[in-house]
PDB file of N, CA and C in Angstrom:
ATOM      1  N   MET A   1     141.466  73.529 138.386  1.00  0.00           N
ATOM      2  CA  MET A   1     141.224  72.931 137.164  1.00  0.00           C
ATOM      3  C   MET A   1     140.168  73.891 136.422  1.00  0.00           C
ATOM      4  N   ASP A   2     140.173  74.048 135.337  1.00  0.00           N
ATOM      5  CA  ASP A   2     139.289  75.021 134.637  1.00  0.00           C
ATOM      6  C   ASP A   2     137.843  74.180 134.381  1.00  0.00           C
ATOM      7  N   THR A   3     136.680  74.819 134.993  1.00  0.00           N
ATOM      8  CA  THR A   3     135.561  74.052 135.009  1.00  0.00           C
ATOM      9  C   THR A   3     134.966  73.631 133.687  1.00  0.00           C
ATOM     10  N   LYS A   4     135.445  74.445 132.583  1.00  0.00           N
ATOM     11  CA  LYS A   4     135.090  74.360 131.056  1.00  0.00           C
ATOM     12  C   LYS A   4     135.770  72.928 130.617  1.00  0.00           C
ATOM     13  N   VAL A   5     136.845  72.766 130.930  1.00  0.00           N
ATOM     14  CA  VAL A   5     137.811  71.625 130.723  1.00  0.00           C
ATOM     15  C   VAL A   5     136.943  70.412 131.280  1.00  0.00           C
ATOM     16  N   THR A   6     136.568  70.660 132.542  1.00  0.00           N
ATOM     17  CA  THR A   6     136.113  69.395 133.417  1.00  0.00           C
ATOM     18  C   THR A   6     134.579  69.045 132.614  1.00  0.00           C
ATOM     19  N   ASP A   7     134.035  70.282 132.511  1.00  0.00           N
ATOM     20  CA  ASP A   7     132.446  69.859 131.681  1.00  0.00           C
ATOM     21  C   ASP A   7     132.728  69.275 130.421  1.00  0.00           C
ATOM     22  N   ALA A   8     133.599  69.645 129.561  1.00  0.00           N
ATOM     23  CA  ALA A   8     133.924  68.898 128.368  1.00  0.00           C
ATOM     24  C   ALA A   8     134.530  67.313 128.574  1.00  0.00           C
ATOM     25  N   ALA A   9     135.450  67.338 129.519  1.00  0.00           N
ATOM     26  CA  ALA A   9     135.666  65.927 129.736  1.00  0.00           C
ATOM     27  C   ALA A   9     134.441  65.053 130.285  1.00  0.00           C
ATOM     28  N   ASP A  10     133.817  65.505 131.289  1.00  0.00           N
ATOM     29  CA  ASP A  10     132.596  64.887 131.602  1.00  0.00           C
ATOM     30  C   ASP A  10     131.443  64.507 130.566  1.00  0.00           C
ATOM     31  N   ALA A  11     131.487  65.578 129.432  1.00  0.00           N
ATOM     32  CA  ALA A  11     130.512  65.283 128.428  1.00  0.00           C
ATOM     33  C   ALA A  11     131.135  64.238 127.510  1.00  0.00           C
ATOM     34  N   ALA A  12     132.298  64.019 127.254  1.00  0.00           N
ATOM     35  CA  ALA A  12     132.949  63.044 126.504  1.00  0.00           C
ATOM     36  C   ALA A  12     132.775  61.895 127.025  1.00  0.00           C
ATOM     37  N   TRP A  13     132.822  61.727 128.314  1.00  0.00           N
ATOM     38  CA  TRP A  13     132.498  60.359 128.889  1.00  0.00           C
ATOM     39  C   TRP A  13     131.188  59.964 129.002  1.00  0.00           C
ATOM     40  N   THR A  14     130.278  60.909 129.209  1.00  0.00           N
ATOM     41  CA  THR A  14     128.895  60.535 128.977  1.00  0.00           C
ATOM     42  C   THR A  14     128.698  59.847 127.579  1.00  0.00           C
ATOM     43  N   THR A  15     128.925  60.518 126.510  1.00  0.00           N
ATOM     44  CA  THR A  15     128.405  60.169 125.385  1.00  0.00           C
ATOM     45  C   THR A  15     129.574  59.109 124.899  1.00  0.00           C
ATOM     46  N   ALA A  16     130.487  58.571 125.572  1.00  0.00           N
ATOM     47  CA  ALA A  16     131.474  57.607 125.053  1.00  0.00           C
ATOM     48  C   ALA A  16     130.708  56.363 124.374  1.00  0.00           C
ATOM     49  N   PRO A  17     131.138  55.966 123.143  1.00  0.00           N
ATOM     50  CA  PRO A  17     130.512  54.643 122.611  1.00  0.00           C
ATOM     51  C   PRO A  17     131.129  53.376 123.262  1.00  0.00           C
ATOM     52  N   SER A  18     130.522  52.269 122.975  1.00  0.00           N
ATOM     53  CA  SER A  18     131.004  51.079 123.593  1.00  0.00           C
ATOM     54  C   SER A  18     132.367  50.972 123.127  1.00  0.00           C
ATOM     55  N   PRO A  19     133.271  50.135 124.098  1.00  0.00           N
ATOM     56  CA  PRO A  19     134.557  49.972 123.841  1.00  0.00           C
ATOM     57  C   PRO A  19     134.831  48.957 122.786  1.00  0.00           C
ATOM     58  N   CYS A  20     133.781  48.316 122.244  1.00  0.00           N
ATOM     59  CA  CYS A  20     133.699  47.449 121.307  1.00  0.00           C
ATOM     60  C   CYS A  20     134.573  48.133 119.867  1.00  0.00           C
ATOM     61  N   VAL A  21     135.393  47.353 119.419  1.00  0.00           N
ATOM     62  CA  VAL A  21     136.188  47.702 118.134  1.00  0.00           C
ATOM     63  C   VAL A  21     135.724  47.006 116.870  1.00  0.00           C
ATOM     64  N   ASP A  22     134.765  46.247 117.039  1.00  0.00           N
ATOM     65  CA  ASP A  22     134.091  45.433 115.865  1.00  0.00           C
ATOM     66  C   ASP A  22     135.004  44.353 115.676  1.00  0.00           C
ATOM     67  N   ILE A  23     135.652  43.785 116.464  1.00  0.00           N
ATOM     68  CA  ILE A  23     136.613  42.377 116.217  1.00  0.00           C
ATOM     69  C   ILE A  23     135.668  41.301 116.508  1.00  0.00           C
ATOM     70  N   CYS A  24     135.166  41.229 117.738  1.00  0.00           N
ATOM     71  CA  CYS A  24     134.263  40.299 118.416  1.00  0.00           C
ATOM     72  C   CYS A  24     134.731  38.910 118.046  1.00  0.00           C
ATOM     73  N   LYS A  25     135.974  38.620 118.506  1.00  0.00           N
ATOM     74  CA  LYS A  25     136.335  36.959 118.687  1.00  0.00           C
ATOM     75  C   LYS A  25     136.800  36.776 119.795  1.00  0.00           C
ATOM     76  N   TYR A  26     135.836  35.791 120.502  1.00  0.00           N
ATOM     77  CA  TYR A  26     136.169  35.354 122.002  1.00  0.00           C
ATOM     78  C   TYR A  26     137.120  34.387 122.154  1.00  0.00           C
ATOM     79  N   LYS A  27     138.169  34.489 122.785  1.00  0.00           N
ATOM     80  CA  LYS A  27     139.088  33.536 122.928  1.00  0.00           C
ATOM     81  C   LYS A  27     139.609  33.570 124.611  1.00  0.00           C
ATOM     82  N   ARG A  28     140.385  34.424 124.876  1.00  0.00           N
ATOM     83  CA  ARG A  28     141.089  34.448 126.156  1.00  0.00           C
ATOM     84  C   ARG A  28     140.032  34.525 127.295  1.00  0.00           C
ATOM     85  N   GLN A  29     139.905  33.536 127.871  1.00  0.00           N
ATOM     86  CA  GLN A  29     138.827  33.457 129.007  1.00  0.00           C
ATOM     87  C   GLN A  29     137.623  33.903 128.738  1.00  0.00           C
ATOM     88  N   GLY A  30     136.981  33.961 127.478  1.00  0.00           N
ATOM     89  CA  GLY A  30     135.750  34.226 127.068  1.00  0.00           C
ATOM     90  C   GLY A  30     135.886  35.846 127.007  1.00  0.00           C
ATOM     91  N   ARG A  31     137.084  36.485 126.694  1.00  0.00           N
ATOM     92  CA  ARG A  31     137.042  38.024 126.388  1.00  0.00           C
ATOM     93  C   ARG A  31     137.420  38.192 125.015  1.00  0.00           C
ATOM     94  N   CYS A  32     136.783  39.115 124.540  1.00  0.00           N
ATOM     95  CA  CYS A  32     137.165  39.623 122.987  1.00  0.00           C
ATOM     96  C   CYS A  32     138.615  39.864 122.720  1.00  0.00           C
ATOM     97  N   VAL A  33     139.374  39.453 121.694  1.00  0.00           N
ATOM     98  CA  VAL A  33     140.556  39.622 121.489  1.00  0.00           C
ATOM     99  C   VAL A  33     140.720  41.422 121.165  1.00  0.00           C
ATOM    100  N   GLY A  34     139.616  41.643 120.703  1.00  0.00           N
ATOM    101  CA  GLY A  34     139.963  43.266 119.989  1.00  0.00           C
ATOM    102  C   GLY A  34     139.591  44.203 121.204  1.00  0.00           C
ATOM    103  N   CYS A  35     138.599  44.114 122.353  1.00  0.00           N
ATOM    104  CA  CYS A  35     138.338  44.868 123.240  1.00  0.00           C
ATOM    105  C   CYS A  35     138.573  44.393 124.759  1.00  0.00           C
ATOM    106  N   SER A  36     138.636  43.276 125.071  1.00  0.00           N
ATOM    107  CA  SER A  36     139.009  42.549 126.134  1.00  0.00           C
ATOM    108  C   SER A  36     137.705  42.336 126.975  1.00  0.00           C
ATOM    109  N   MET A  37     136.514  42.710 126.411  1.00  0.00           N
ATOM    110  CA  MET A  37     135.062  42.503 127.031  1.00  0.00           C
ATOM    111  C   MET A  37     134.637  41.178 127.115  1.00  0.00           C
ATOM    112  N   THR A  38     133.672  40.698 127.878  1.00  0.00           N
ATOM    113  CA  THR A  38     133.017  39.563 127.776  1.00  0.00           C
ATOM    114  C   THR A  38     131.787  39.827 126.873  1.00  0.00           C
ATOM    115  N   LYS A  39     130.938  39.032 126.493  1.00  0.00           N
ATOM    116  CA  LYS A  39     129.955  39.305 125.835  1.00  0.00           C
ATOM    117  C   LYS A  39     128.891  39.834 126.773  1.00  0.00           C
ATOM    118  N   ALA A  40     128.666  39.442 127.990  1.00  0.00           N
ATOM    119  CA  ALA A  40     127.907  40.310 128.912  1.00  0.00           C
ATOM    120  C   ALA A  40     128.106  41.703 129.284  1.00  0.00           C
ATOM    121  N   GLU A  41     129.506  42.086 129.376  1.00  0.00           N
ATOM    122  CA  GLU A  41     129.982  43.264 129.467  1.00  0.00           C
ATOM    123  C   GLU A  41     129.467  43.936 128.082  1.00  0.00           C
ATOM    124  N   LYS A  42     129.749  43.659 126.922  1.00  0.00           N
ATOM    125  CA  LYS A  42     129.324  44.332 125.700  1.00  0.00           C
ATOM    126  C   LYS A  42     127.891  44.691 125.790  1.00  0.00           C
ATOM    127  N   GLN A  43     127.163  43.758 126.204  1.00  0.00           N
ATOM    128  CA  GLN A  43     125.539  43.903 126.254  1.00  0.00           C
ATOM    129  C   GLN A  43     125.307  45.106 127.478  1.00  0.00           C
ATOM    130  N   ALA A  44     125.952  45.134 128.511  1.00  0.00           N
ATOM    131  CA  ALA A  44     125.669  45.830 129.713  1.00  0.00           C
ATOM    132  C   ALA A  44     126.134  47.375 129.316  1.00  0.00           C
ATOM    133  N   PHE A  45     127.072  47.628 128.604  1.00  0.00           N
ATOM    134  CA  PHE A  45     127.835  48.864 128.417  1.00  0.00           C
ATOM    135  C   PHE A  45     126.722  50.034 128.162  1.00  0.00           C
ATOM    136  N   PRO A  46     126.108  49.803 127.232  1.00  0.00           N
ATOM    137  CA  PRO A  46     125.168  50.920 126.907  1.00  0.00           C
ATOM    138  C   PRO A  46     124.158  51.346 128.150  1.00  0.00           C
ATOM    139  N   SER A  47     123.996  50.488 128.990  1.00  0.00           N
ATOM    140  CA  SER A  47     123.295  50.941 130.411  1.00  0.00           C
ATOM    141  C   SER A  47     123.929  51.179 131.459  1.00  0.00           C
ATOM    142  N   SER A  48     125.439  51.152 131.129  1.00  0.00           N
ATOM    143  CA  SER A  48     126.401  51.073 132.343  1.00  0.00           C
ATOM    144  C   SER A  48     126.293  52.225 133.191  1.00  0.00           C
ATOM    145  N   GLY A  49     125.537  53.314 132.842  1.00  0.00           N
ATOM    146  CA  GLY A  49     125.522  54.526 133.845  1.00  0.00           C
ATOM    147  C   GLY A  49     126.004  55.650 133.190  1.00  0.00           C
ATOM    148  N   GLY A  50     126.502  56.660 134.129  1.00  0.00           N
ATOM    149  CA  GLY A  50     126.998  58.064 133.612  1.00  0.00           C
ATOM    150  C   GLY A  50     128.550  58.060 133.203  1.00  0.00           C
ATOM    151  N   ALA A  51     129.187  59.090 133.344  1.00  0.00           N
ATOM    152  CA  ALA A  51     130.372  59.588 132.885  1.00  0.00           C
ATOM    153  C   ALA A  51     131.349  58.710 133.690  1.00  0.00           C
ATOM    154  N   GLU A  52     131.086  58.729 134.962  1.00  0.00           N
ATOM    155  CA  GLU A  52     132.221  58.033 136.136  1.00  0.00           C
ATOM    156  C   GLU A  52     132.111  56.773 135.794  1.00  0.00           C
ATOM    157  N   GLN A  53     130.948  56.014 135.770  1.00  0.00           N
ATOM    158  CA  GLN A  53     130.791  54.258 135.552  1.00  0.00           C
ATOM    159  C   GLN A  53     131.644  53.957 134.399  1.00  0.00           C
ATOM    160  N   LYS A  54     131.400  54.869 133.076  1.00  0.00           N
ATOM    161  CA  LYS A  54     131.885  54.787 131.735  1.00  0.00           C
ATOM    162  C   LYS A  54     133.386  54.839 131.976  1.00  0.00           C
ATOM    163  N   ARG A  55     133.863  55.854 132.513  1.00  0.00           N
ATOM    164  CA  ARG A  55     135.504  55.901 132.608  1.00  0.00           C
ATOM    165  C   ARG A  55     135.850  54.864 133.282  1.00  0.00           C
ATOM    166  N   GLU A  56     135.444  54.301 134.505  1.00  0.00           N
ATOM    167  CA  GLU A  56     136.025  53.092 135.315  1.00  0.00           C
ATOM    168  C   GLU A  56     136.084  52.129 134.566  1.00  0.00           C
ATOM    169  N   PHE A  57     134.907  51.683 133.812  1.00  0.00           N
ATOM    170  CA  PHE A  57     134.933  50.555 132.908  1.00  0.00           C
ATOM    171  C   PHE A  57     135.890  50.567 131.904  1.00  0.00           C
ATOM    172  N   ILE A  58     136.114  51.787 131.118  1.00  0.00           N
ATOM    173  CA  ILE A  58     137.175  51.914 130.085  1.00  0.00           C
ATOM    174  C   ILE A  58     138.693  51.773 130.710  1.00  0.00           C
ATOM    175  N   GLU A  59     138.750  52.326 131.807  1.00  0.00           N
ATOM    176  CA  GLU A  59     140.076  52.096 132.605  1.00  0.00           C
ATOM    177  C   GLU A  59     140.472  50.717 132.946  1.00  0.00           C
ATOM    178  N   THR A  60     139.346  50.190 133.479  1.00  0.00           N
ATOM    179  CA  THR A  60     139.476  48.550 133.775  1.00  0.00           C
ATOM    180  C   THR A  60     139.940  48.046 132.466  1.00  0.00           C
ATOM    181  N   LEU A  61     139.307  48.047 131.371  1.00  0.00           N
ATOM    182  CA  LEU A  61     139.754  47.369 129.980  1.00  0.00           C
ATOM    183  C   LEU A  61     141.226  47.713 129.782  1.00  0.00           C
ATOM    184  N   ILE A  62     141.590  48.991 129.784  1.00  0.00           N
ATOM    185  CA  ILE A  62     142.902  49.215 129.433  1.00  0.00           C
ATOM    186  C   ILE A  62     143.882  48.380 130.715  1.00  0.00           C
ATOM    187  N   GLY A  63     143.460  48.219 131.734  1.00  0.00           N
ATOM    188  CA  GLY A  63     144.250  47.567 132.747  1.00  0.00           C
ATOM    189  C   GLY A  63     144.245  46.187 132.393  1.00  0.00           C
ATOM    190  N   ARG A  64     143.309  45.593 131.717  1.00  0.00           N
ATOM    191  CA  ARG A  64     143.172  44.126 131.472  1.00  0.00           C
ATOM    192  C   ARG A  64     144.175  44.176 130.307  1.00  0.00           C
ATOM    193  N   LEU A  65     144.125  44.946 129.258  1.00  0.00           N
ATOM    194  CA  LEU A  65     144.821  44.645 127.973  1.00  0.00           C
ATOM    195  C   LEU A  65     146.764  44.730 128.686  1.00  0.00           C
ATOM    196  N   GLN A  66     146.970  45.463 129.475  1.00  0.00           N
ATOM    197  CA  GLN A  66     148.210  45.745 130.197  1.00  0.00           C
ATOM    198  C   GLN A  66     148.646  44.430 130.787  1.00  0.00           C
ATOM    199  N   GLU A  67     147.694  43.943 131.672  1.00  0.00           N
ATOM    200  CA  GLU A  67     147.998  42.793 132.404  1.00  0.00           C
ATOM    201  C   GLU A  67     148.119  41.448 131.390  1.00  0.00           C
ATOM    202  N   SER A  68     147.496  41.461 130.438  1.00  0.00           N
ATOM    203  CA  SER A  68     147.545  40.310 129.514  1.00  0.00           C
ATOM    204  C   SER A  68     148.991  40.591 128.581  1.00  0.00           C
ATOM    205  N   ALA A  69     149.579  41.359 128.775  1.00  0.00           N
ATOM    206  CA  ALA A  69     150.895  41.757 127.938  1.00  0.00           C
ATOM    207  C   ALA A  69     150.456  42.136 126.378  1.00  0.00           C
ATOM    208  N   ARG A  70     149.319  43.006 126.344  1.00  0.00           N
ATOM    209  CA  ARG A  70     148.979  43.390 125.083  1.00  0.00           C
ATOM    210  C   ARG A  70     149.318  44.816 125.073  1.00  0.00           C
ATOM    211  N   ASN A  71     149.579  45.559 124.042  1.00  0.00           N
ATOM    212  CA  ASN A  71     149.621  47.098 124.168  1.00  0.00           C
ATOM    213  C   ASN A  71     148.447  47.640 123.996  1.00  0.00           C
ATOM    214  N   PRO A  72     147.867  48.349 124.944  1.00  0.00           N
ATOM    215  CA  PRO A  72     146.577  48.939 124.997  1.00  0.00           C
ATOM    216  C   PRO A  72     146.778  49.982 123.944  1.00  0.00           C
ATOM    217  N   ALA A  73     147.961  50.523 123.528  1.00  0.00           N
ATOM    218  CA  ALA A  73     147.885  51.564 122.649  1.00  0.00           C
ATOM    219  C   ALA A  73     147.125  51.254 121.327  1.00  0.00           C
ATOM    220  N   PHE A  74     147.023  50.036 120.952  1.00  0.00           N
ATOM    221  CA  PHE A  74     146.393  49.794 119.668  1.00  0.00           C
ATOM    222  C   PHE A  74     144.760  49.655 119.850  1.00  0.00           C
ATOM    223  N   TRP A  75     144.370  49.285 120.986  1.00  0.00           N
ATOM    224  CA  TRP A  75     143.102  49.395 121.357  1.00  0.00           C
ATOM    225  C   TRP A  75     142.649  50.561 121.154  1.00  0.00           C
ATOM    226  N   ILE A  76     143.495  51.689 121.955  1.00  0.00           N
ATOM    227  CA  ILE A  76     143.019  52.889 122.065  1.00  0.00           C
ATOM    228  C   ILE A  76     142.997  53.733 120.729  1.00  0.00           C
ATOM    229  N   MET A  77     143.722  53.583 119.964  1.00  0.00           N
ATOM    230  CA  MET A  77     143.895  53.978 118.447  1.00  0.00           C
ATOM    231  C   MET A  77     142.719  53.519 117.809  1.00  0.00           C
ATOM    232  N   SER A  78     142.275  52.260 117.739  1.00  0.00           N
ATOM    233  CA  SER A  78     140.893  51.731 117.150  1.00  0.00           C
ATOM    234  C   SER A  78     139.898  52.342 117.841  1.00  0.00           C
ATOM    235  N   TYR A  79     139.868  52.821 118.921  1.00  0.00           N
ATOM    236  CA  TYR A  79     138.685  53.399 119.796  1.00  0.00           C
ATOM    237  C   TYR A  79     138.553  54.694 119.281  1.00  0.00           C
ATOM    238  N   ARG A  80     139.548  55.566 119.343  1.00  0.00           N
ATOM    239  CA  ARG A  80     139.480  56.951 118.922  1.00  0.00           C
ATOM    240  C   ARG A  80     138.824  56.937 117.516  1.00  0.00           C
ATOM    241  N   ARG A  81     139.272  56.097 116.633  1.00  0.00           N
ATOM    242  CA  ARG A  81     138.806  56.066 115.196  1.00  0.00           C
ATOM    243  C   ARG A  81     137.401  55.916 115.175  1.00  0.00           C
ATOM    244  N   LYS A  82     136.884  55.000 116.119  1.00  0.00           N
ATOM    245  CA  LYS A  82     135.342  54.702 116.261  1.00  0.00           C
ATOM    246  C   LYS A  82     134.880  55.862 116.789  1.00  0.00           C
ATOM    247  N   CYS A  83     135.110  56.548 117.802  1.00  0.00           N
ATOM    248  CA  CYS A  83     134.567  57.805 118.393  1.00  0.00           C
ATOM    249  C   CYS A  83     134.505  58.945 116.873  1.00  0.00           C
ATOM    250  N   GLU A  84     135.571  58.972 116.288  1.00  0.00           N
ATOM    251  CA  GLU A  84     135.577  59.897 115.158  1.00  0.00           C
ATOM    252  C   GLU A  84     134.587  59.400 113.959  1.00  0.00           C
ATOM    253  N   ARG A  85     134.573  58.250 113.692  1.00  0.00           N
ATOM    254  CA  ARG A  85     133.547  57.779 112.677  1.00  0.00           C
ATOM    255  C   ARG A  85     131.907  58.113 113.283  1.00  0.00           C
ATOM    256  N   GLU A  86     131.888  58.066 114.587  1.00  0.00           N
ATOM    257  CA  GLU A  86     130.658  58.436 115.227  1.00  0.00           C
ATOM    258  C   GLU A  86     130.376  59.552 115.437  1.00  0.00           C
ATOM    259  N   GLY A  87     131.324  60.461 115.414  1.00  0.00           N
ATOM    260  CA  GLY A  87     130.971  61.813 115.536  1.00  0.00           C
ATOM    261  C   GLY A  87     131.003  62.529 116.819  1.00  0.00           C
ATOM    262  N   VAL A  88     131.662  61.760 117.775  1.00  0.00           N
ATOM    263  CA  VAL A  88     131.541  61.896 119.307  1.00  0.00           C
ATOM    264  C   VAL A  88     132.889  62.306 119.810  1.00  0.00           C
ATOM    265  N   PRO A  89     133.354  63.053 120.669  1.00  0.00           N
ATOM    266  CA  PRO A  89     134.657  63.345 121.220  1.00  0.00           C
ATOM    267  C   PRO A  89     135.116  62.111 121.889  1.00  0.00           C
ATOM    268  N   CYS A  90     136.400  61.778 121.639  1.00  0.00           N
ATOM    269  CA  CYS A  90     136.899  60.610 122.390  1.00  0.00           C
ATOM    270  C   CYS A  90     137.298  60.983 123.763  1.00  0.00           C
ATOM    271  N   PRO A  91     136.843  60.261 124.741  1.00  0.00           N
ATOM    272  CA  PRO A  91     137.245  60.609 126.121  1.00  0.00           C
ATOM    273  C   PRO A  91     138.515  60.356 126.460  1.00  0.00           C
ATOM    274  N   ILE A  92     139.230  59.391 125.756  1.00  0.00           N
ATOM    275  CA  ILE A  92     140.618  59.112 126.152  1.00  0.00           C
ATOM    276  C   ILE A  92     141.654  60.055 125.565  1.00  0.00           C
ATOM    277  N   PRO A  93     142.232  60.914 126.490  1.00  0.00           N
ATOM    278  CA  PRO A  93     143.088  61.826 126.042  1.00  0.00           C
ATOM    279  C   PRO A  93     144.284  61.236 125.099  1.00  0.00           C
ATOM    280  N   VAL A  94     144.773  62.112 124.244  1.00  0.00           N
ATOM    281  CA  VAL A  94     146.110  61.700 123.489  1.00  0.00           C
ATOM    282  C   VAL A  94     147.109  62.100 124.283  1.00  0.00           C
ATOM    283  N   GLU A  95     148.209  61.089 124.263  1.00  0.00           N
ATOM    284  CA  GLU A  95     149.282  61.022 125.300  1.00  0.00           C
ATOM    285  C   GLU A  95     149.991  62.280 124.939  1.00  0.00           C
ATOM    286  N   GLY A  96     150.439  63.160 125.985  1.00  0.00           N
ATOM    287  CA  GLY A  96     150.788  64.316 126.022  1.00  0.00           C
ATOM    288  C   GLY A  96     150.126  65.565 126.040  1.00  0.00           C
ATOM    289  N   ASP A  97     148.585  65.385 125.830  1.00  0.00           N
ATOM    290  CA  ASP A  97     147.911  66.398 126.016  1.00  0.00           C
ATOM    291  C   ASP A  97     147.768  66.852 127.665  1.00  0.00           C
ATOM    292  N   ASP A  98     147.452  67.893 127.805  1.00  0.00           N
ATOM    293  CA  ASP A  98     147.368  68.420 129.020  1.00  0.00           C
ATOM    294  C   ASP A  98     145.836  68.419 129.446  1.00  0.00           C
ATOM    295  N   ALA A  99     145.070  67.934 128.935  1.00  0.00           N
ATOM    296  CA  ALA A  99     143.579  67.965 129.311  1.00  0.00           C
ATOM    297  C   ALA A  99     143.395  66.769 130.039  1.00  0.00           C
TER     298      ALA A  99
END
């Protein structure tokens, strides 16, 4: 793998914003219907560590959405828009990208 691609991917995860997509309605077992995080997870994310920890955290959220029979594509689309608004690269690749 090209180290430039790896460096860019790591940088995207390092600067990844919170997975919160500004819906903030807690229903399902205390989890937000928009992002599937608990209030404690939302508060902890900014200090959740480096690129690897953020990647694992977001992958866990995507898994939760899939397990709850929700299509994670809707959250991913909202998260990509959030990254764009904040002017940071979205760490979640577009399906079909080779990156």
